[in-house]
Amino acid sequence: MRVIRATLAYDGTDFVGWQVQAAGRSVQGVLQHGLARMHGHPVRVVGAGRTDSGVHATGQVAAVTLPERWSAPELHRALNALLPPDIWVEEVRAAAPDFHPRYHAVARSYRYQLGLAPECRSPFHKRWCWPLARDLDVDLLHRGAGLLLGDR
């Protein structure tokens, strides 16, 4: 058995979030289902963090312990062929036996996109941008952001 590290991106629109929930489609659940189909038994995927319902992610790191049946490139191709189009596996590689995506993470970043232009309401943008009905007070936003500075 070995630990595999996967880096993912997903469109969270149709997910209840990262973590498996009692009801609803989750990113973790879809990954676990796909890997179980490939390996013929249940597997548990651990993520670096959780996202809420409807939240998108890039660079989300996950880990799973699997038999050495598949090479990392084979697993990478197989997952992208098997998973639905709203999840994309960017990279798959072997990890240290003690690797944990949450505890070994060195940074996280979040980006919120607010839309002030009418184009934000386009079906090509509205999944990625929150369209606002009125102008923002940019000075107020800067003052508020100053309260959030820190390293935790």
Protein backbone atom coordinates (compact mmCIF):
# COMPACT_ATOMS: atom_id res chain seq x y z
CA MET A 1 0.00 0.00 0.00
CA ARG A 2 1.12 3.56 -0.65
CA VAL A 3 -0.14 7.07 -0.12
CA ILE A 4 -1.15 8.97 -3.24
CA ARG A 5 -1.37 12.77 -3.32
CA ALA A 6 -3.78 14.29 -5.83
CA THR A 7 -4.24 17.97 -6.66
CA LEU A 8 -7.78 18.79 -7.81
CA ALA A 9 -9.90 21.56 -9.20
CA TYR A 10 -13.67 21.53 -9.14
CA ASP A 11 -16.73 23.56 -9.97
CA GLY A 12 -18.64 23.46 -6.70
CA THR A 13 -21.96 24.59 -8.15
CA ASP A 14 -23.59 21.17 -7.93
CA PHE A 15 -21.85 19.93 -4.78
CA VAL A 16 -22.91 20.19 -1.12
CA GLY A 17 -19.23 20.91 -0.44
CA TRP A 18 -16.07 18.85 -0.11
CA GLN A 19 -17.09 16.55 2.73
CA VAL A 20 -19.48 13.61 2.46
CA GLN A 21 -22.88 14.63 3.86
CA ALA A 22 -25.95 12.61 4.84
CA ALA A 23 -27.67 13.90 1.72
CA GLY A 24 -26.32 15.46 -1.44
CA ARG A 25 -23.42 15.11 -3.81
CA SER A 26 -19.97 15.91 -2.35
CA VAL A 27 -16.54 16.12 -3.97
CA GLN A 28 -15.09 13.65 -1.47
CA GLY A 29 -17.98 11.24 -2.10
CA VAL A 30 -17.60 11.39 -5.88
CA LEU A 31 -13.84 10.76 -5.60
CA GLN A 32 -14.35 7.87 -3.19
CA HIS A 33 -17.00 6.34 -5.43
CA GLY A 34 -14.74 6.58 -8.50
CA LEU A 35 -11.76 5.08 -6.68
CA ALA A 36 -13.94 2.29 -5.26
CA ARG A 37 -15.07 1.44 -8.79
CA MET A 38 -11.43 1.27 -9.91
CA HIS A 39 -10.22 -0.80 -6.98
CA GLY A 40 -13.25 -2.94 -6.20
CA HIS A 41 -13.45 -1.88 -2.54
CA PRO A 42 -14.29 1.24 -0.53
CA VAL A 43 -11.52 3.80 -0.07
CA ARG A 44 -11.33 6.93 2.08
CA VAL A 45 -10.07 10.18 0.58
CA VAL A 46 -8.78 12.87 2.96
CA GLY A 47 -8.73 16.52 1.87
CA ALA A 48 -6.59 19.47 2.86
CA GLY A 49 -9.71 21.36 3.85
CA ARG A 50 -13.41 21.58 3.28
CA THR A 51 -15.43 23.85 1.07
CA ASP A 52 -19.04 24.84 1.56
CA SER A 53 -21.91 24.15 -0.78
CA GLY A 54 -21.44 25.82 -4.15
CA VAL A 55 -17.81 26.80 -3.53
CA HIS A 56 -15.27 26.17 -6.28
CA ALA A 57 -11.67 25.14 -5.69
CA THR A 58 -8.34 24.99 -7.46
CA GLY A 59 -5.24 23.42 -5.97
CA GLN A 60 -7.24 21.32 -3.48
CA VAL A 61 -4.95 18.55 -2.25
CA ALA A 62 -6.29 15.14 -1.29
CA ALA A 63 -4.67 11.90 -0.20
CA VAL A 64 -5.68 8.27 -0.41
CA THR A 65 -3.94 5.02 0.48
CA LEU A 66 -4.07 2.53 -2.39
CA PRO A 67 -2.43 -0.70 -3.46
CA GLU A 68 0.57 -0.23 -5.77
CA ARG A 69 -1.41 -1.61 -8.72
CA TRP A 70 -1.48 1.72 -10.58
CA SER A 71 1.37 4.08 -11.36
CA ALA A 72 0.73 7.75 -10.62
CA PRO A 73 0.39 8.65 -14.35
CA GLU A 74 -2.02 5.74 -14.92
CA LEU A 75 -4.10 6.74 -11.92
CA HIS A 76 -4.10 10.36 -13.10
CA ARG A 77 -5.44 9.42 -16.55
CA ALA A 78 -7.95 6.93 -15.14
CA LEU A 79 -9.39 9.38 -12.64
CA ASN A 80 -9.84 12.12 -15.23
CA ALA A 81 -11.54 9.63 -17.54
CA LEU A 82 -13.82 8.33 -14.80
CA LEU A 83 -14.74 11.46 -12.84
CA PRO A 84 -17.51 13.82 -13.94
CA PRO A 85 -16.55 16.99 -15.83
CA ASP A 86 -16.97 19.23 -12.78
CA ILE A 87 -13.91 17.62 -11.12
CA TRP A 88 -10.49 17.71 -12.74
CA VAL A 89 -7.39 16.00 -11.37
CA GLU A 90 -4.44 18.28 -12.08
CA GLU A 91 -1.71 16.04 -10.67
CA VAL A 92 -1.23 12.64 -9.03
CA ARG A 93 1.98 11.59 -7.34
CA ALA A 94 3.26 9.28 -4.64
CA ALA A 95 3.57 10.83 -1.18
CA ALA A 96 5.41 9.99 2.01
CA PRO A 97 3.69 7.33 4.13
CA ASP A 98 2.88 9.91 6.82
CA PHE A 99 1.58 12.56 4.40
CA HIS A 100 -1.64 14.26 5.50
CA PRO A 101 -2.98 17.00 3.20
CA ARG A 102 -4.41 19.09 6.02
CA TYR A 103 -1.53 18.92 8.47
CA HIS A 104 1.22 19.25 5.85
CA ALA A 105 -0.37 22.24 4.10
CA VAL A 106 1.84 25.32 4.22
CA ALA A 107 -0.67 27.89 2.95
CA ARG A 108 -4.23 28.45 1.85
CA SER A 109 -5.67 31.30 -0.11
CA TYR A 110 -9.19 32.39 -0.95
CA ARG A 111 -10.43 34.62 -3.73
CA TYR A 112 -13.85 36.20 -3.83
CA GLN A 113 -14.99 37.76 -7.09
CA LEU A 114 -17.60 40.48 -6.98
CA GLY A 115 -19.12 41.63 -10.23
CA LEU A 116 -19.83 45.25 -10.91
CA ALA A 117 -20.06 45.03 -14.70
CA PRO A 118 -23.29 43.85 -16.38
CA GLU A 119 -21.31 41.01 -18.02
CA CYS A 120 -21.12 39.29 -14.62
CA ARG A 121 -24.70 38.18 -15.08
CA SER A 122 -23.77 36.28 -18.24
CA PRO A 123 -24.14 32.48 -17.96
CA PHE A 124 -20.43 32.31 -18.83
CA HIS A 125 -19.44 34.31 -15.73
CA LYS A 126 -22.14 33.99 -13.09
CA ARG A 127 -20.85 30.69 -11.66
CA TRP A 128 -17.52 32.35 -10.89
CA CYS A 129 -18.56 35.82 -9.93
CA TRP A 130 -21.13 37.26 -7.54
CA PRO A 131 -22.98 39.99 -9.45
CA LEU A 132 -23.87 43.00 -7.33
CA ALA A 133 -26.78 45.32 -7.91
CA ARG A 134 -25.00 48.48 -6.72
CA ASP A 135 -21.53 49.98 -6.50
CA LEU A 136 -19.16 49.06 -3.70
CA ASP A 137 -17.67 51.41 -1.15
CA VAL A 138 -14.04 50.55 -1.91
CA ASP A 139 -12.67 52.59 1.02
CA LEU A 140 -14.91 50.68 3.42
CA LEU A 141 -13.73 47.38 1.92
CA HIS A 142 -10.06 48.37 2.39
CA ARG A 143 -10.67 49.34 6.01
CA GLY A 144 -12.49 46.08 6.67
CA ALA A 145 -9.78 44.02 4.98
CA GLY A 146 -7.20 45.67 7.25
CA LEU A 147 -8.97 44.06 10.21
CA LEU A 148 -8.43 40.60 8.71
CA LEU A 149 -4.66 40.73 8.35
CA GLY A 150 -2.78 37.94 10.07
CA ASP A 151 -1.27 34.54 9.62
CA ARG A 152 -4.10 32.36 10.93
